[in-house]
Amino acid sequence: MAKVKKSEISIEDKLRALYDLQLIDSRLDEIRNTRGELPLEVEDLEDDIAGLEKRHQKINEEIQELDKEVKSRKEAIKHSEQLIKKYGSQQDNVRNNREFEALSKEVEYQELEIQLSEKRIKEFKAKIDHKNETIASIDEKLTSYRDHLSHKKSELDKIVKETEKEENNLMQKADEFAENIDPRLLKAYKKIRAALKNGLAVVPVERGASAGSFFTIPPQRQMEIALRKKIITDEHSGRILVDAELAAEERKKMADILGL
């Protein structure tokens, strides 16, 4: 499409260019709507999987810390046992009851330390078992989610592949047509499109009302639209209005260009 100086484009040509772009964008909307909720479903599943993987990693790190605690307590038990053995040997060589009682207290203390360490080891292992159960549950969910994601991606890829060529062609055409539209007008068009659920920013007047609207356009206003001398918008929806004849001509032209 040859690029024309925007200053040389008439209002009618601007309206035609806008409606042509609308026809292209509407076809792109149709193609993307065939995907339904699949893109969102894929995104949600990916987010869920990422969250589970992060939780999985965090619990694994917690298990590693608990394993370190168990190891530390086992080392403490070994150390206490060595001290008990040492104090037992020393008791055989004491000179009085006072020294014997002092060593007995040390032995008793180390025995209590061993009991405490064994208790802590039991608690740590119980926590590890619980966390391993949680990890097993997460692994089960991850397997299910990944299988579901694979299925959804395959389904989405199939739909995308079927329309990929047409979509790429339409996107290229949209860029080409947009180049010949005044930047401010193009910005307004995109803003209107973004604000409407169906994306129809440029619509023809049909049966005395803007397409898709129940609000009647006064006859004088309809005449102004048909003259194509200025950009006129629907006061209710904000859409840019074109007359039915122009719309029919552009639909036929774009059908030929796009092979629709």
Protein backbone atom coordinates (compact mmCIF):
# COMPACT_ATOMS: atom_id res chain seq x y z
CA MET A 1 0.00 0.00 0.00
CA ALA A 2 1.57 3.29 -1.12
CA LYS A 3 2.21 5.75 1.65
CA VAL A 4 0.45 9.09 1.21
CA LYS A 5 1.30 12.38 2.92
CA LYS A 6 -1.21 12.70 5.73
CA SER A 7 -1.69 16.40 5.03
CA GLU A 8 -2.99 15.51 1.53
CA ILE A 9 -5.58 12.99 2.75
CA SER A 10 -9.21 14.15 2.64
CA ILE A 11 -11.68 13.50 5.45
CA GLU A 12 -13.38 10.90 3.28
CA ASP A 13 -10.08 9.10 2.72
CA LYS A 14 -9.39 9.23 6.44
CA LEU A 15 -12.76 7.68 7.14
CA ARG A 16 -12.14 4.98 4.56
CA ALA A 17 -8.69 4.27 6.00
CA LEU A 18 -10.11 4.06 9.51
CA TYR A 19 -12.91 1.73 8.45
CA ASP A 20 -10.45 -0.44 6.50
CA LEU A 21 -8.29 -0.72 9.62
CA GLN A 22 -11.41 -1.56 11.64
CA LEU A 23 -12.29 -4.37 9.22
CA ILE A 24 -8.77 -5.79 9.56
CA ASP A 25 -8.80 -5.51 13.35
CA SER A 26 -12.28 -7.05 13.54
CA ARG A 27 -11.09 -10.04 11.53
CA LEU A 28 -8.09 -10.35 13.85
CA ASP A 29 -10.50 -10.23 16.81
CA GLU A 30 -12.56 -13.04 15.25
CA ILE A 31 -9.45 -15.19 14.81
CA ARG A 32 -8.28 -14.60 18.37
CA ASN A 33 -11.76 -15.19 19.76
CA THR A 34 -11.70 -18.71 18.30
CA ARG A 35 -9.07 -19.45 20.95
CA GLY A 36 -11.66 -18.71 23.61
CA GLU A 37 -10.32 -18.89 27.14
CA LEU A 38 -7.42 -21.14 26.17
CA PRO A 39 -4.68 -18.45 26.38
CA LEU A 40 -5.88 -17.45 29.87
CA GLU A 41 -6.18 -21.09 30.93
CA VAL A 42 -2.61 -21.75 29.76
CA GLU A 43 -1.36 -18.66 31.59
CA ASP A 44 -3.20 -19.62 34.80
CA LEU A 45 -1.80 -23.16 34.68
CA GLU A 46 1.72 -21.84 34.13
CA ASP A 47 1.30 -19.52 37.13
CA ASP A 48 -0.05 -22.39 39.27
CA ILE A 49 2.87 -24.62 38.27
CA ALA A 50 5.40 -21.87 39.00
CA GLY A 51 3.81 -21.35 42.43
CA LEU A 52 3.90 -25.08 43.25
CA GLU A 53 7.51 -25.37 42.07
CA LYS A 54 8.49 -22.46 44.28
CA ARG A 55 6.72 -24.03 47.26
CA HIS A 56 8.36 -27.39 46.45
CA GLN A 57 11.79 -25.75 46.48
CA LYS A 58 11.07 -23.92 49.76
CA ILE A 59 9.97 -27.14 51.52
CA ASN A 60 13.03 -28.98 50.20
CA GLU A 61 15.23 -26.26 51.67
CA GLU A 62 13.38 -26.60 55.00
CA ILE A 63 13.96 -30.37 54.93
CA GLN A 64 17.67 -29.80 54.30
CA GLU A 65 17.80 -27.50 57.34
CA LEU A 66 16.01 -30.10 59.46
CA ASP A 67 18.45 -32.79 58.25
CA LYS A 68 21.29 -30.54 59.38
CA GLU A 69 19.64 -30.21 62.80
CA VAL A 70 19.30 -34.01 63.06
CA LYS A 71 22.97 -34.44 62.12
CA SER A 72 23.98 -31.78 64.64
CA ARG A 73 21.98 -33.49 67.40
CA LYS A 74 23.50 -36.88 66.56
CA GLU A 75 26.96 -35.32 66.82
CA ALA A 76 25.94 -33.83 70.17
CA ILE A 77 24.88 -37.29 71.39
CA LYS A 78 28.24 -38.76 70.36
CA HIS A 79 30.02 -35.95 72.17
CA SER A 80 27.92 -36.51 75.34
CA GLU A 81 28.60 -40.25 75.21
CA GLN A 82 32.34 -39.57 74.97
CA LEU A 83 32.12 -37.24 77.98
CA ILE A 84 30.14 -39.83 79.98
CA LYS A 85 32.83 -42.39 79.21
CA LYS A 86 35.52 -39.90 80.19
CA TYR A 87 33.78 -38.95 83.47
CA GLY A 88 33.23 -42.65 84.24
CA SER A 89 36.97 -43.30 83.93
CA GLN A 90 37.74 -40.32 86.12
CA GLN A 91 35.37 -41.59 88.83
CA ASP A 92 37.59 -44.67 89.20
CA ASN A 93 40.48 -42.42 90.24
CA VAL A 94 38.80 -39.85 92.51
CA ARG A 95 40.27 -39.06 95.94
CA ASN A 96 37.05 -38.20 97.75
CA ASN A 97 33.27 -38.32 97.62
CA ARG A 98 33.07 -34.65 96.66
CA GLU A 99 34.92 -35.24 93.38
CA PHE A 100 32.86 -38.38 92.74
CA GLU A 101 29.58 -36.49 93.20
CA ALA A 102 30.77 -33.67 90.94
CA LEU A 103 31.57 -36.15 88.17
CA SER A 104 28.24 -37.93 88.76
CA LYS A 105 26.44 -34.63 88.20
CA GLU A 106 28.38 -34.13 84.95
CA VAL A 107 27.39 -37.63 83.82
CA GLU A 108 23.78 -36.95 84.77
CA TYR A 109 23.85 -33.67 82.85
CA GLN A 110 25.20 -35.36 79.72
CA GLU A 111 22.57 -38.09 79.98
CA LEU A 112 19.91 -35.38 80.08
CA GLU A 113 21.54 -33.75 77.06
CA ILE A 114 21.33 -37.08 75.22
CA GLN A 115 17.64 -37.44 76.11
CA LEU A 116 16.95 -33.90 74.95
CA SER A 117 18.82 -34.47 71.66
CA GLU A 118 16.93 -37.72 71.07
CA LYS A 119 13.65 -35.90 71.70
CA ARG A 120 14.64 -33.15 69.28
CA ILE A 121 15.72 -35.71 66.66
CA LYS A 122 12.32 -37.39 66.96
CA GLU A 123 10.57 -34.01 66.52
CA PHE A 124 12.75 -33.07 63.53
CA LYS A 125 12.12 -36.42 61.86
CA ALA A 126 8.37 -36.04 62.39
CA LYS A 127 8.55 -32.63 60.71
CA ILE A 128 10.60 -34.09 57.86
CA ASP A 129 8.03 -36.87 57.37
CA HIS A 130 5.21 -34.32 57.30
CA LYS A 131 7.06 -32.15 54.80
CA ASN A 132 7.83 -35.17 52.61
CA GLU A 133 4.12 -35.96 52.58
CA THR A 134 3.45 -32.38 51.49
CA ILE A 135 6.08 -32.69 48.75
CA ALA A 136 4.47 -35.93 47.55
CA SER A 137 1.12 -34.11 47.35
CA ILE A 138 2.74 -31.22 45.45
CA ASP A 139 4.45 -33.66 43.06
CA GLU A 140 1.07 -35.27 42.38
CA LYS A 141 -0.49 -31.87 41.66
CA LEU A 142 2.46 -30.85 39.48
CA THR A 143 2.13 -34.01 37.40
CA SER A 144 -1.60 -33.37 36.94
CA TYR A 145 -1.11 -29.66 36.15
CA ARG A 146 1.73 -30.32 33.70
CA ASP A 147 -0.32 -32.94 31.87
CA HIS A 148 -3.26 -30.54 31.74
CA LEU A 149 -0.99 -27.71 30.54
CA SER A 150 0.50 -29.90 27.83
CA HIS A 151 -3.01 -30.76 26.62
CA LYS A 152 -4.15 -27.11 26.66
CA LYS A 153 -0.97 -25.93 24.90
CA SER A 154 -1.38 -28.58 22.24
CA GLU A 155 -4.99 -27.51 21.75
CA LEU A 156 -4.00 -23.83 21.56
CA ASP A 157 -1.06 -24.50 19.23
CA LYS A 158 -3.35 -26.38 16.87
CA ILE A 159 -5.79 -23.46 16.69
CA VAL A 160 -2.97 -20.92 16.31
CA LYS A 161 -1.33 -22.97 13.55
CA GLU A 162 -4.60 -23.13 11.60
CA THR A 163 -4.90 -19.32 11.53
CA GLU A 164 -1.22 -18.30 11.82
CA LYS A 165 -0.73 -17.45 8.15
CA GLU A 166 -3.90 -15.35 7.96
CA GLU A 167 -3.18 -13.65 11.28
CA ASN A 168 0.36 -12.67 10.26
CA ASN A 169 -0.94 -11.33 6.94
CA LEU A 170 -3.64 -9.31 8.69
CA MET A 171 -1.17 -7.90 11.22
CA GLN A 172 1.11 -6.81 8.38
CA LYS A 173 -1.82 -5.19 6.56
CA ALA A 174 -2.93 -3.46 9.77
CA ASP A 175 0.52 -1.90 10.14
CA GLU A 176 0.50 -0.79 6.47
CA PHE A 177 -2.95 0.83 6.71
CA ALA A 178 -2.13 2.44 10.07
CA GLU A 179 0.85 4.22 8.50
CA ASN A 180 -1.53 6.30 6.37
CA ILE A 181 -3.65 7.45 9.29
CA ASP A 182 -2.90 10.65 11.21
CA PRO A 183 -1.19 9.68 14.50
CA ARG A 184 -3.72 11.57 16.63
CA LEU A 185 -6.63 9.96 14.79
CA LEU A 186 -5.00 6.55 15.09
CA LYS A 187 -4.47 7.10 18.81
CA ALA A 188 -8.14 8.07 19.22
CA TYR A 189 -9.21 4.97 17.25
CA LYS A 190 -7.12 2.68 19.46
CA LYS A 191 -8.43 4.35 22.61
CA ILE A 192 -12.05 3.85 21.50
CA ARG A 193 -11.34 0.21 20.56
CA ALA A 194 -9.75 -0.49 23.93
CA ALA A 195 -12.78 0.93 25.76
CA LEU A 196 -15.30 -1.28 23.94
CA LYS A 197 -15.77 -5.01 24.54
CA ASN A 198 -16.36 -5.80 20.88
CA GLY A 199 -13.54 -3.54 19.68
CA LEU A 200 -15.76 -1.73 17.15
CA ALA A 201 -14.40 1.82 17.08
CA VAL A 202 -15.64 2.67 13.54
CA VAL A 203 -19.17 1.63 12.59
CA PRO A 204 -21.65 2.43 9.82
CA VAL A 205 -25.07 4.01 10.34
CA GLU A 206 -27.69 1.29 9.93
CA ARG A 207 -31.46 1.88 10.04
CA GLY A 208 -30.95 5.32 11.48
CA ALA A 209 -28.62 4.26 14.32
CA SER A 210 -24.94 3.45 14.73
CA ALA A 211 -24.29 -0.27 14.26
CA GLY A 212 -24.79 -2.15 17.49
CA SER A 213 -26.62 0.75 19.11
CA PHE A 214 -30.30 1.37 19.82
CA PHE A 215 -29.90 5.14 19.91
CA THR A 216 -31.33 6.89 16.85
CA ILE A 217 -29.16 9.42 15.04
CA PRO A 218 -31.06 12.58 14.00
CA PRO A 219 -31.63 12.95 10.20
CA GLN A 220 -29.52 16.12 10.06
CA ARG A 221 -26.64 14.26 11.70
CA GLN A 222 -27.04 11.38 9.27
CA MET A 223 -26.76 13.82 6.35
CA GLU A 224 -23.53 15.24 7.78
CA ILE A 225 -22.12 11.72 8.09
CA ALA A 226 -23.07 10.95 4.48
CA LEU A 227 -21.29 14.13 3.28
CA ARG A 228 -17.99 12.80 4.70
CA LYS A 229 -16.70 16.29 5.41
CA LYS A 230 -15.73 15.77 9.05
CA ILE A 231 -15.10 13.07 11.60
CA ILE A 232 -18.33 12.48 13.52
CA THR A 233 -18.68 10.30 16.61
CA ASP A 234 -21.69 8.71 18.26
CA GLU A 235 -22.47 10.80 21.35
CA HIS A 236 -23.58 7.69 23.27
CA SER A 237 -20.79 5.20 22.53
CA GLY A 238 -17.99 7.46 21.27
CA ARG A 239 -17.63 5.38 18.09
CA ILE A 240 -16.56 7.03 14.84
CA LEU A 241 -19.45 6.93 12.36
CA VAL A 242 -19.41 6.30 8.59
CA ASP A 243 -22.31 6.06 6.18
CA ALA A 244 -23.62 2.69 5.02
CA GLU A 245 -22.59 3.23 1.40
CA LEU A 246 -18.95 3.92 2.29
CA ALA A 247 -18.95 0.91 4.61
CA ALA A 248 -20.30 -1.39 1.87
CA GLU A 249 -17.68 -0.15 -0.61
CA GLU A 250 -14.84 -0.68 1.84
CA ARG A 251 -16.06 -4.13 2.86
CA LYS A 252 -16.05 -5.21 -0.78
CA LYS A 253 -12.62 -3.67 -1.36
CA MET A 254 -11.09 -5.25 1.74
CA ALA A 255 -12.65 -8.63 0.94
CA ASP A 256 -10.78 -8.55 -2.37
CA ILE A 257 -7.51 -7.36 -0.76
CA LEU A 258 -7.58 -9.83 2.11
CA GLY A 259 -9.18 -12.70 0.23
CA LEU A 260 -12.06 -12.94 2.67
